[in-house]
Amino acid sequence: ASGRWSYSPFGRHANAINTPPFNDGRTIDTTQVGSTGLGIIYVYPRTIENGRTPSDEWNLIPGARGCTPEACSFRDHFTELSRLGVADLFGLSTQTTEYQSEFASRTNLPFGLLSDANFAFGEALGFPEFSFEGERLWKRLTLVIKSGRISHVFYPI
């Protein structure tokens, strides 16, 4: 997936994918994402641990910087998105459920974060990726899902 400049899983069924766990250990049934409205899964490389500052090298990677503000923006617009028909909203990264639980609590997220630490979800959909300091990470993108089917992808972000 490295080096891809376009990404288009339009029409793919999200239900054909191993379901990643929530930050609290639950799993979701991807066949139900977007079944009662729109579903959004925003994918991000990683958020920075509390009290740490991103390195200059990280800040130079296109699309890498800004994952925490992105999550907070979804949080701040959660009610508005719900009014616009978004029934399911999730963030997804390769970070562990334990880390994501701390992050969700620290930032007061009203939605779940999904851990793709085993890379199964992203690999099934062919997510674009990059490597930083030996760590494999997904590039930032957003999937819009209706009735379990990917109807739109925002990439690159």
C-alpha atoms as a PDB file:
ATOM      1  CA  ALA A   1       0.000   0.000   0.000  1.00  0.00           C
ATOM      2  CA  SER A   2       3.002   2.316   0.319  1.00  0.00           C
ATOM      3  CA  GLY A   3       3.358   4.948  -2.366  1.00  0.00           C
ATOM      4  CA  ARG A   4      -0.288   4.946  -3.486  1.00  0.00           C
ATOM      5  CA  TRP A   5      -1.463   8.366  -4.524  1.00  0.00           C
ATOM      6  CA  SER A   6      -5.115   7.436  -4.983  1.00  0.00           C
ATOM      7  CA  TYR A   7      -7.368   5.257  -2.891  1.00  0.00           C
ATOM      8  CA  SER A   8     -10.780   4.045  -3.964  1.00  0.00           C
ATOM      9  CA  PRO A   9     -12.623   1.189  -2.228  1.00  0.00           C
ATOM     10  CA  PHE A  10     -16.003   2.610  -3.392  1.00  0.00           C
ATOM     11  CA  GLY A  11     -18.779   0.104  -3.237  1.00  0.00           C
ATOM     12  CA  ARG A  12     -16.799  -2.337  -1.093  1.00  0.00           C
ATOM     13  CA  HIS A  13     -18.773  -3.974   1.661  1.00  0.00           C
ATOM     14  CA  ALA A  14     -17.389  -3.090   5.069  1.00  0.00           C
ATOM     15  CA  ASN A  15     -18.836  -6.359   6.387  1.00  0.00           C
ATOM     16  CA  ALA A  16     -16.207  -8.450   4.612  1.00  0.00           C
ATOM     17  CA  ILE A  17     -13.599  -7.244   7.057  1.00  0.00           C
ATOM     18  CA  ASN A  18     -12.359  -8.463  10.416  1.00  0.00           C
ATOM     19  CA  THR A  19     -13.896  -6.201  13.000  1.00  0.00           C
ATOM     20  CA  PRO A  20     -11.378  -4.207  15.045  1.00  0.00           C
ATOM     21  CA  PRO A  21     -12.025  -3.759  18.776  1.00  0.00           C
ATOM     22  CA  PHE A  22     -13.246  -0.554  20.402  1.00  0.00           C
ATOM     23  CA  ASN A  23     -11.089   1.334  22.846  1.00  0.00           C
ATOM     24  CA  ASP A  24     -13.133  -0.373  25.596  1.00  0.00           C
ATOM     25  CA  GLY A  25     -12.627  -3.880  24.169  1.00  0.00           C
ATOM     26  CA  ARG A  26     -16.045  -4.269  22.493  1.00  0.00           C
ATOM     27  CA  THR A  27     -16.257  -5.032  18.786  1.00  0.00           C
ATOM     28  CA  ILE A  28     -18.620  -3.603  16.197  1.00  0.00           C
ATOM     29  CA  ASP A  29     -20.652  -5.435  13.606  1.00  0.00           C
ATOM     30  CA  THR A  30     -19.552  -3.693  10.420  1.00  0.00           C
ATOM     31  CA  THR A  31     -22.665  -4.964   8.639  1.00  0.00           C
ATOM     32  CA  GLN A  32     -24.609  -2.542  10.830  1.00  0.00           C
ATOM     33  CA  VAL A  33     -22.424   0.538  10.244  1.00  0.00           C
ATOM     34  CA  GLY A  34     -24.530   3.036   8.355  1.00  0.00           C
ATOM     35  CA  SER A  35     -27.625   0.848   8.517  1.00  0.00           C
ATOM     36  CA  THR A  36     -29.765   3.553  10.162  1.00  0.00           C
ATOM     37  CA  GLY A  37     -28.045   6.571   8.638  1.00  0.00           C
ATOM     38  CA  LEU A  38     -24.540   7.363   7.499  1.00  0.00           C
ATOM     39  CA  GLY A  39     -21.503   5.776   9.055  1.00  0.00           C
ATOM     40  CA  ILE A  40     -18.139   7.526   9.225  1.00  0.00           C
ATOM     41  CA  ILE A  41     -14.837   5.882  10.031  1.00  0.00           C
ATOM     42  CA  TYR A  42     -12.000   8.366  10.068  1.00  0.00           C
ATOM     43  CA  VAL A  43      -8.587   6.743   9.864  1.00  0.00           C
ATOM     44  CA  TYR A  44      -5.528   8.405  11.337  1.00  0.00           C
ATOM     45  CA  PRO A  45      -1.882   7.387  11.873  1.00  0.00           C
ATOM     46  CA  ARG A  46      -1.676   8.031  15.610  1.00  0.00           C
ATOM     47  CA  THR A  47      -2.259  10.572  18.300  1.00  0.00           C
ATOM     48  CA  ILE A  48       0.578  11.815  20.471  1.00  0.00           C
ATOM     49  CA  GLU A  49       0.742  10.749  24.093  1.00  0.00           C
ATOM     50  CA  ASN A  50      -0.323  13.251  26.722  1.00  0.00           C
ATOM     51  CA  GLY A  51       2.455  15.734  27.479  1.00  0.00           C
ATOM     52  CA  ARG A  52       4.575  14.834  24.437  1.00  0.00           C
ATOM     53  CA  THR A  53       5.312  17.099  21.503  1.00  0.00           C
ATOM     54  CA  PRO A  54       5.488  15.745  17.950  1.00  0.00           C
ATOM     55  CA  SER A  55       8.998  15.665  16.505  1.00  0.00           C
ATOM     56  CA  ASP A  56      10.057  17.950  13.673  1.00  0.00           C
ATOM     57  CA  GLU A  57      10.390  14.864  11.455  1.00  0.00           C
ATOM     58  CA  TRP A  58       6.771  13.853  12.187  1.00  0.00           C
ATOM     59  CA  ASN A  59       5.566  17.358  11.376  1.00  0.00           C
ATOM     60  CA  LEU A  60       7.187  17.143   7.917  1.00  0.00           C
ATOM     61  CA  ILE A  61       5.143  14.086   6.856  1.00  0.00           C
ATOM     62  CA  PRO A  62       2.146  15.202   4.746  1.00  0.00           C
ATOM     63  CA  GLY A  63      -1.087  14.402   6.593  1.00  0.00           C
ATOM     64  CA  ALA A  64       0.611  13.073   9.731  1.00  0.00           C
ATOM     65  CA  ARG A  65       0.295  16.122  11.970  1.00  0.00           C
ATOM     66  CA  GLY A  66      -3.147  17.003  13.275  1.00  0.00           C
ATOM     67  CA  CYS A  67      -4.670  13.687  14.385  1.00  0.00           C
ATOM     68  CA  THR A  68      -5.595  14.977  17.851  1.00  0.00           C
ATOM     69  CA  PRO A  69      -7.227  18.160  16.475  1.00  0.00           C
ATOM     70  CA  GLU A  70      -9.063  15.996  13.927  1.00  0.00           C
ATOM     71  CA  ALA A  71     -10.518  13.814  16.706  1.00  0.00           C
ATOM     72  CA  CYS A  72     -11.461  16.916  18.683  1.00  0.00           C
ATOM     73  CA  SER A  73     -13.123  18.427  15.610  1.00  0.00           C
ATOM     74  CA  PHE A  74     -15.283  15.322  15.195  1.00  0.00           C
ATOM     75  CA  ARG A  75     -16.062  15.579  18.923  1.00  0.00           C
ATOM     76  CA  ASP A  76     -16.967  19.267  18.658  1.00  0.00           C
ATOM     77  CA  HIS A  77     -19.254  18.635  15.667  1.00  0.00           C
ATOM     78  CA  PHE A  78     -20.715  15.337  16.904  1.00  0.00           C
ATOM     79  CA  THR A  79     -24.205  16.755  17.587  1.00  0.00           C
ATOM     80  CA  GLU A  80     -24.291  18.559  14.256  1.00  0.00           C
ATOM     81  CA  LEU A  81     -23.154  15.417  12.400  1.00  0.00           C
ATOM     82  CA  SER A  82     -25.894  13.434  14.142  1.00  0.00           C
ATOM     83  CA  ARG A  83     -28.495  15.989  13.027  1.00  0.00           C
ATOM     84  CA  LEU A  84     -27.177  15.625   9.467  1.00  0.00           C
ATOM     85  CA  GLY A  85     -27.800  11.876   9.508  1.00  0.00           C
ATOM     86  CA  VAL A  86     -24.550  10.409  10.808  1.00  0.00           C
ATOM     87  CA  ALA A  87     -25.641   7.481  12.965  1.00  0.00           C
ATOM     88  CA  ASP A  88     -22.253   5.802  13.450  1.00  0.00           C
ATOM     89  CA  LEU A  89     -18.940   7.593  13.967  1.00  0.00           C
ATOM     90  CA  PHE A  90     -15.633   5.928  14.781  1.00  0.00           C
ATOM     91  CA  GLY A  91     -11.961   6.803  14.696  1.00  0.00           C
ATOM     92  CA  LEU A  92      -9.483   4.075  13.708  1.00  0.00           C
ATOM     93  CA  SER A  93      -5.723   3.758  14.094  1.00  0.00           C
ATOM     94  CA  THR A  94      -3.147   1.050  14.695  1.00  0.00           C
ATOM     95  CA  GLN A  95      -2.708   2.144  18.304  1.00  0.00           C
ATOM     96  CA  THR A  96      -3.665  -0.281  21.079  1.00  0.00           C
ATOM     97  CA  THR A  97      -7.088  -0.313  22.694  1.00  0.00           C
ATOM     98  CA  GLU A  98      -5.435   0.601  26.006  1.00  0.00           C
ATOM     99  CA  TYR A  99      -3.863   3.740  24.553  1.00  0.00           C
ATOM    100  CA  GLN A 100      -7.037   4.675  22.707  1.00  0.00           C
ATOM    101  CA  SER A 101      -9.061   4.308  25.903  1.00  0.00           C
ATOM    102  CA  GLU A 102      -6.789   6.800  27.654  1.00  0.00           C
ATOM    103  CA  PHE A 103      -6.938   9.173  24.673  1.00  0.00           C
ATOM    104  CA  ALA A 104     -10.751   8.981  24.386  1.00  0.00           C
ATOM    105  CA  SER A 105     -11.093   9.676  28.106  1.00  0.00           C
ATOM    106  CA  ARG A 106      -8.570  12.525  28.077  1.00  0.00           C
ATOM    107  CA  THR A 107     -10.253  14.245  25.123  1.00  0.00           C
ATOM    108  CA  ASN A 108     -13.864  13.436  26.139  1.00  0.00           C
ATOM    109  CA  LEU A 109     -14.768  11.770  22.850  1.00  0.00           C
ATOM    110  CA  PRO A 110     -18.485  10.884  22.572  1.00  0.00           C
ATOM    111  CA  PHE A 111     -17.744   8.108  20.041  1.00  0.00           C
ATOM    112  CA  GLY A 112     -15.614   4.995  19.966  1.00  0.00           C
ATOM    113  CA  LEU A 113     -12.096   4.505  18.685  1.00  0.00           C
ATOM    114  CA  LEU A 114     -11.225   1.278  16.874  1.00  0.00           C
ATOM    115  CA  SER A 115      -7.850  -0.425  17.152  1.00  0.00           C
ATOM    116  CA  ASP A 116      -6.443  -1.969  13.998  1.00  0.00           C
ATOM    117  CA  ALA A 117      -3.236  -2.980  15.773  1.00  0.00           C
ATOM    118  CA  ASN A 118      -3.162  -6.261  13.820  1.00  0.00           C
ATOM    119  CA  PHE A 119      -3.650  -4.349  10.513  1.00  0.00           C
ATOM    120  CA  ALA A 120      -6.459  -6.704   9.394  1.00  0.00           C
ATOM    121  CA  PHE A 121      -9.094  -4.009   8.735  1.00  0.00           C
ATOM    122  CA  GLY A 122      -6.795  -1.707   6.772  1.00  0.00           C
ATOM    123  CA  GLU A 123      -5.188  -4.538   4.839  1.00  0.00           C
ATOM    124  CA  ALA A 124      -8.595  -5.884   3.810  1.00  0.00           C
ATOM    125  CA  LEU A 125      -9.432  -2.483   2.316  1.00  0.00           C
ATOM    126  CA  GLY A 126      -5.924  -1.725   1.072  1.00  0.00           C
ATOM    127  CA  PHE A 127      -5.411   1.386   3.181  1.00  0.00           C
ATOM    128  CA  PRO A 128      -2.465   3.528   2.098  1.00  0.00           C
ATOM    129  CA  GLU A 129       0.331   3.379   4.636  1.00  0.00           C
ATOM    130  CA  PHE A 130       3.688   4.780   5.633  1.00  0.00           C
ATOM    131  CA  SER A 131       6.425   3.954   8.086  1.00  0.00           C
ATOM    132  CA  PHE A 132       7.871   6.240  10.733  1.00  0.00           C
ATOM    133  CA  GLU A 133      10.691   5.299  13.094  1.00  0.00           C
ATOM    134  CA  GLY A 134      10.078   1.633  12.289  1.00  0.00           C
ATOM    135  CA  GLU A 135       6.351   1.860  13.025  1.00  0.00           C
ATOM    136  CA  ARG A 136       3.799   0.914  10.356  1.00  0.00           C
ATOM    137  CA  LEU A 137       0.938   3.436  10.221  1.00  0.00           C
ATOM    138  CA  TRP A 138      -2.162   4.088   8.123  1.00  0.00           C
ATOM    139  CA  LYS A 139      -2.359   7.343   6.202  1.00  0.00           C
ATOM    140  CA  ARG A 140      -5.203   9.624   7.110  1.00  0.00           C
ATOM    141  CA  LEU A 141      -8.494   9.104   5.254  1.00  0.00           C
ATOM    142  CA  THR A 142     -12.223   9.063   5.959  1.00  0.00           C
ATOM    143  CA  LEU A 143     -14.707   6.402   4.876  1.00  0.00           C
ATOM    144  CA  VAL A 144     -18.405   7.213   4.491  1.00  0.00           C
ATOM    145  CA  ILE A 145     -20.539   4.074   4.796  1.00  0.00           C
ATOM    146  CA  LYS A 146     -24.200   3.601   3.958  1.00  0.00           C
ATOM    147  CA  SER A 147     -25.933   0.251   4.503  1.00  0.00           C
ATOM    148  CA  GLY A 148     -22.595  -1.476   5.125  1.00  0.00           C
ATOM    149  CA  ARG A 149     -21.170  -0.276   1.794  1.00  0.00           C
ATOM    150  CA  ILE A 150     -18.438   2.329   1.357  1.00  0.00           C
ATOM    151  CA  SER A 151     -20.110   5.164  -0.524  1.00  0.00           C
ATOM    152  CA  HIS A 152     -17.373   7.806  -0.388  1.00  0.00           C
ATOM    153  CA  VAL A 153     -13.736   8.158   0.580  1.00  0.00           C
ATOM    154  CA  PHE A 154     -11.956  11.365   1.494  1.00  0.00           C
ATOM    155  CA  TYR A 155      -8.272  10.880   0.645  1.00  0.00           C
ATOM    156  CA  PRO A 156      -5.762  12.399   0.821  1.00  0.00           C
ATOM    157  CA  ILE A 157      -6.420  14.444   3.915  1.00  0.00           C
END
